[in-house]
Amino acid sequence: MTVASPPPEAALPVENALLGGKVRLLQAADGYRAGMDAALLAAAVVAKPGERVLEAGCGVGAVLTQIAARRPGVVVTGVERDPAAVALGACNVGLNALQDRMAVVQADVAGGFAALGRERFDWAVSNPPFFDDEAALRAPSPAKRGAWIADDGLAVWIRFLSDGARDGGRIVVIHRADRLADLLALLGERCGSFAIRPIQPFADQAAKRVLVQAVRGGKAPLRLLPALVLHDRSGAKHAPEAEAILRGETGLGF
């Protein structure tokens, strides 16, 4: 009888601790690894107990597990097309004892929200792939391509989120700062009451990321909020406010 060899060590997932150890997360060792953007998106979702949160392109569940840890009583659902990420996401559900509050569904955002056959959510959130055109950046490794390249364009992601949020529900997106005009135009087809928080590497540098919140059917004036500054010149890894967010000691609501 032939015995299968164990997979090489590089193929095994690695476990990381998030929110100061409140969350355990298995991630592919050679694929996309969730980091600051996932932490900021999760911190911006101030859902109340009993509310339901949908994430488009949830990967292995880095954002969802952090939202669930921050917001007891909130139910989170993720949509992810990569079967390997879905499998790891299911493992992360059990690893964090979230069987009653978290689910990862294998589906493609390009198929549209209606294909899920679910009621619309109180929150719809995403960290969409940052690029539409592979010529716009050095080609990512195959294991990371899906996290970087939006095959069907940003409009498909925003449509999925807009369809997935109930009337009066909130949509939160983190993206490149230079796509802010596109985000506002696409979200503005069905949403309003925008709130924008720039994310700056240092206080004296331009924002590279933006967090955008919109309300489906909202009519309130746009609000431009104070920037979050990630680093200072003290030599510490992160500025105090950013470090507190990463450790789960404070949120980043709108």
Protein backbone atom coordinates (compact mmCIF):
# COMPACT_ATOMS: atom_id res chain seq x y z
CA MET A 1 0.00 0.00 0.00
CA THR A 2 1.28 3.44 -0.90
CA VAL A 3 1.14 6.01 1.88
CA ALA A 4 0.73 9.61 0.80
CA SER A 5 3.49 11.93 1.89
CA PRO A 6 2.51 14.83 4.16
CA PRO A 7 2.27 18.21 2.41
CA PRO A 8 5.44 20.32 2.44
CA GLU A 9 5.73 22.71 5.34
CA ALA A 10 5.31 25.72 3.03
CA ALA A 11 1.84 24.47 2.08
CA LEU A 12 0.59 24.36 5.67
CA PRO A 13 -1.38 27.35 6.98
CA VAL A 14 0.09 29.57 9.63
CA GLU A 15 -1.76 30.87 12.67
CA ASN A 16 -1.69 34.54 13.61
CA ALA A 17 -3.11 36.37 16.61
CA LEU A 18 -5.21 39.48 15.99
CA LEU A 19 -6.74 42.09 18.31
CA GLY A 20 -4.15 41.50 20.97
CA GLY A 21 -4.82 37.75 20.99
CA LYS A 22 -8.63 37.96 21.03
CA VAL A 23 -8.76 36.38 17.54
CA ARG A 24 -6.86 33.39 16.16
CA LEU A 25 -6.57 33.29 12.40
CA LEU A 26 -5.30 30.58 10.09
CA GLN A 27 -3.89 31.98 6.83
CA ALA A 28 -2.13 30.46 3.85
CA ALA A 29 1.61 30.71 4.33
CA ASP A 30 2.24 31.48 0.65
CA GLY A 31 -0.84 33.54 -0.19
CA TYR A 32 -2.35 36.90 0.66
CA ARG A 33 -2.02 37.72 4.36
CA ALA A 34 -4.52 40.02 6.03
CA GLY A 35 -3.07 43.01 7.83
CA MET A 36 -3.79 46.66 8.58
CA ASP A 37 -6.56 47.16 6.01
CA ALA A 38 -8.58 44.27 7.45
CA ALA A 39 -8.12 45.59 10.98
CA LEU A 40 -9.25 49.09 10.02
CA LEU A 41 -12.30 47.85 8.12
CA ALA A 42 -13.37 45.71 11.08
CA ALA A 43 -12.86 48.61 13.49
CA ALA A 44 -15.11 50.84 11.35
CA VAL A 45 -18.13 48.51 11.64
CA VAL A 46 -20.04 49.58 14.74
CA ALA A 47 -22.88 47.10 14.35
CA LYS A 48 -25.32 46.56 17.22
CA PRO A 49 -26.28 43.21 18.78
CA GLY A 50 -28.69 41.35 16.51
CA GLU A 51 -27.56 43.15 13.37
CA ARG A 52 -26.26 41.20 10.37
CA VAL A 53 -23.04 42.02 8.51
CA LEU A 54 -22.15 40.87 4.99
CA GLU A 55 -18.57 40.94 3.68
CA ALA A 56 -17.78 40.67 -0.03
CA GLY A 57 -14.51 38.86 -0.71
CA CYS A 58 -13.95 37.73 2.86
CA GLY A 59 -10.90 35.54 2.24
CA VAL A 60 -10.20 33.40 5.30
CA GLY A 61 -12.33 35.62 7.55
CA ALA A 62 -9.88 38.16 8.97
CA VAL A 63 -12.41 41.00 8.94
CA LEU A 64 -15.38 38.88 10.02
CA THR A 65 -13.64 37.30 13.01
CA GLN A 66 -12.50 40.72 14.21
CA ILE A 67 -15.98 42.21 13.83
CA ALA A 68 -17.44 39.28 15.75
CA ALA A 69 -14.86 39.68 18.53
CA ARG A 70 -15.47 43.42 18.75
CA ARG A 71 -19.26 43.20 18.51
CA PRO A 72 -20.88 40.48 20.64
CA GLY A 73 -24.29 39.46 19.35
CA VAL A 74 -23.58 40.53 15.76
CA VAL A 75 -24.01 37.87 13.05
CA VAL A 76 -21.44 37.93 10.22
CA THR A 77 -21.51 36.29 6.78
CA GLY A 78 -18.75 36.29 4.20
CA VAL A 79 -18.75 35.59 0.47
CA GLU A 80 -15.54 34.21 -1.07
CA ARG A 81 -14.91 32.53 -4.44
CA ASP A 82 -11.59 30.82 -3.63
CA PRO A 83 -12.37 27.32 -2.27
CA ALA A 84 -9.08 27.11 -0.37
CA ALA A 85 -9.84 30.38 1.43
CA VAL A 86 -13.39 29.19 2.16
CA ALA A 87 -11.99 26.02 3.74
CA LEU A 88 -9.63 28.03 5.95
CA GLY A 89 -12.48 30.40 6.77
CA ALA A 90 -14.54 27.44 8.02
CA CYS A 91 -11.60 26.42 10.19
CA ASN A 92 -11.41 29.94 11.61
CA VAL A 93 -15.10 29.81 12.51
CA GLY A 94 -14.41 26.80 14.74
CA LEU A 95 -11.05 28.09 15.99
CA ASN A 96 -12.80 31.18 17.39
CA ALA A 97 -15.98 29.36 18.55
CA LEU A 98 -18.17 31.41 16.21
CA GLN A 99 -20.36 28.61 14.86
CA ASP A 100 -23.53 30.45 15.94
CA ARG A 101 -22.54 33.84 14.51
CA MET A 102 -20.29 33.42 11.48
CA ALA A 103 -20.58 31.71 8.10
CA VAL A 104 -18.39 31.72 4.99
CA VAL A 105 -20.21 31.05 1.70
CA GLN A 106 -18.45 30.03 -1.49
CA ALA A 107 -19.76 32.34 -4.23
CA ASP A 108 -18.46 34.89 -6.71
CA VAL A 109 -19.24 38.57 -6.20
CA ALA A 110 -19.59 38.81 -9.99
CA GLY A 111 -22.64 36.53 -9.75
CA GLY A 112 -24.54 39.24 -7.89
CA PHE A 113 -26.12 39.38 -4.45
CA ALA A 114 -29.47 37.95 -5.58
CA ALA A 115 -27.77 34.64 -6.40
CA LEU A 116 -27.15 34.10 -2.67
CA GLY A 117 -30.89 33.86 -2.01
CA ARG A 118 -30.60 35.78 1.28
CA GLU A 119 -32.35 38.74 2.84
CA ARG A 120 -30.49 42.01 2.65
CA PHE A 121 -28.14 42.87 5.49
CA ASP A 122 -27.82 45.74 7.98
CA TRP A 123 -24.18 46.21 6.95
CA ALA A 124 -22.33 45.36 3.73
CA VAL A 125 -18.56 45.81 3.84
CA SER A 126 -15.52 45.04 1.73
CA ASN A 127 -11.83 45.53 1.10
CA PRO A 128 -12.10 45.06 -2.70
CA PRO A 129 -9.08 44.15 -4.83
CA PHE A 130 -7.18 47.39 -5.42
CA PHE A 131 -6.52 47.02 -9.15
CA ASP A 132 -8.64 46.39 -12.26
CA ASP A 133 -5.75 46.07 -14.70
CA GLU A 134 -2.81 43.73 -14.25
CA ALA A 135 -0.70 46.10 -16.34
CA ALA A 136 -1.06 48.68 -13.57
CA LEU A 137 1.34 46.85 -11.25
CA ARG A 138 4.01 44.23 -11.24
CA ALA A 139 2.23 40.92 -11.65
CA PRO A 140 1.41 39.45 -8.21
CA SER A 141 2.16 35.83 -7.45
CA PRO A 142 -0.64 33.43 -8.47
CA ALA A 143 -1.49 32.84 -4.79
CA LYS A 144 -2.07 36.57 -4.24
CA ARG A 145 -3.64 37.53 -7.57
CA GLY A 146 -7.26 37.23 -6.44
CA ALA A 147 -6.69 39.64 -3.56
CA TRP A 148 -5.08 42.28 -5.80
CA ILE A 149 -6.92 42.09 -9.13
CA ALA A 150 -10.66 42.79 -9.52
CA ASP A 151 -11.37 40.79 -12.68
CA ASP A 152 -14.79 42.37 -13.17
CA GLY A 153 -13.91 45.88 -12.02
CA LEU A 154 -14.78 47.94 -8.96
CA ALA A 155 -18.33 48.59 -10.17
CA VAL A 156 -19.26 44.92 -9.72
CA TRP A 157 -18.12 45.01 -6.08
CA ILE A 158 -20.00 48.20 -5.29
CA ARG A 159 -23.14 46.86 -6.96
CA PHE A 160 -22.93 43.70 -4.85
CA LEU A 161 -22.63 45.75 -1.66
CA SER A 162 -25.43 48.13 -2.66
CA ASP A 163 -27.73 45.22 -3.46
CA GLY A 164 -26.78 43.45 -0.25
CA ALA A 165 -27.58 46.33 2.13
CA ARG A 166 -31.15 46.97 3.25
CA ASP A 167 -32.71 50.41 2.89
CA GLY A 168 -31.07 52.52 5.58
CA GLY A 169 -28.30 49.96 5.91
CA ARG A 170 -24.65 50.94 5.92
CA ILE A 171 -21.92 50.15 3.42
CA VAL A 172 -18.26 50.46 4.44
CA VAL A 173 -15.34 50.13 2.03
CA ILE A 174 -11.59 50.56 2.46
CA HIS A 175 -9.70 51.29 -0.73
CA ARG A 176 -6.91 53.28 -2.34
CA ALA A 177 -7.23 57.02 -1.76
CA ASP A 178 -6.84 57.70 -5.48
CA ARG A 179 -10.06 55.76 -6.18
CA LEU A 180 -12.17 57.97 -3.90
CA ALA A 181 -13.94 59.74 -6.79
CA ASP A 182 -14.82 56.36 -8.34
CA LEU A 183 -16.14 55.05 -5.02
CA LEU A 184 -18.37 58.08 -4.49
CA ALA A 185 -19.70 57.96 -8.04
CA LEU A 186 -20.51 54.25 -7.90
CA LEU A 187 -22.00 54.33 -4.42
CA GLY A 188 -23.92 57.50 -5.24
CA GLU A 189 -26.19 55.61 -7.62
CA ARG A 190 -28.10 54.17 -4.65
CA CYS A 191 -26.50 55.60 -1.52
CA GLY A 192 -25.77 58.87 0.24
CA SER A 193 -24.90 60.26 3.68
CA PHE A 194 -21.22 59.69 2.94
CA ALA A 195 -18.57 59.77 5.65
CA ILE A 196 -14.92 59.66 4.60
CA ARG A 197 -11.93 58.99 6.82
CA PRO A 198 -8.49 59.38 5.20
CA ILE A 199 -5.75 57.01 6.35
CA GLN A 200 -2.29 58.61 6.31
CA PRO A 201 1.06 56.80 6.76
CA PHE A 202 2.44 59.86 8.62
CA ALA A 203 0.87 63.19 9.56
CA ASP A 204 2.97 65.02 6.95
CA GLN A 205 2.17 62.57 4.11
CA ALA A 206 -0.82 62.28 1.83
CA ALA A 207 -3.45 59.62 2.53
CA LYS A 208 -2.93 56.30 0.76
CA ARG A 209 -6.17 54.70 1.92
CA VAL A 210 -9.70 55.90 2.59
CA LEU A 211 -12.49 54.41 4.63
CA VAL A 212 -15.84 55.31 3.10
CA GLN A 213 -19.20 54.76 4.75
CA ALA A 214 -22.46 55.24 2.84
CA VAL A 215 -26.10 54.72 3.77
CA ARG A 216 -28.40 53.07 1.25
CA GLY A 217 -30.96 55.74 0.42
CA GLY A 218 -29.20 58.28 2.67
CA LYS A 219 -29.63 62.00 2.02
CA ALA A 220 -27.42 63.66 4.66
CA PRO A 221 -24.52 65.92 3.63
CA LEU A 222 -21.11 64.36 3.06
CA ARG A 223 -18.79 64.44 6.09
CA LEU A 224 -14.99 64.51 5.80
CA LEU A 225 -13.64 63.18 9.09
CA PRO A 226 -10.24 63.67 10.75
CA ALA A 227 -7.55 61.43 9.30
CA LEU A 228 -6.19 58.39 11.08
CA VAL A 229 -2.39 58.60 11.16
CA LEU A 230 -0.74 55.18 11.30
CA HIS A 231 2.83 56.09 12.28
CA ASP A 232 4.73 58.86 14.06
CA ARG A 233 8.45 59.61 14.27
CA SER A 234 8.91 58.15 17.76
CA GLY A 235 10.36 54.87 16.49
CA ALA A 236 7.35 52.84 17.64
CA LYS A 237 5.81 50.49 15.08
CA HIS A 238 2.48 52.35 15.10
CA ALA A 239 1.14 55.63 16.42
CA PRO A 240 -0.79 55.23 19.70
CA GLU A 241 -4.27 55.48 18.16
CA ALA A 242 -3.43 52.97 15.43
CA GLU A 243 -1.90 50.58 17.96
CA ALA A 244 -5.03 50.80 20.13
CA ILE A 245 -7.17 49.91 17.10
CA LEU A 246 -4.97 46.95 16.21
CA ARG A 247 -5.22 45.63 19.76
CA GLY A 248 -8.99 46.03 19.83
CA GLU A 249 -8.90 48.65 22.57
CA THR A 250 -10.78 51.24 20.53
CA GLY A 251 -12.91 51.44 17.40
CA LEU A 252 -12.99 53.63 14.33
CA GLY A 253 -16.64 54.42 13.88
CA PHE A 254 -18.11 57.17 11.72
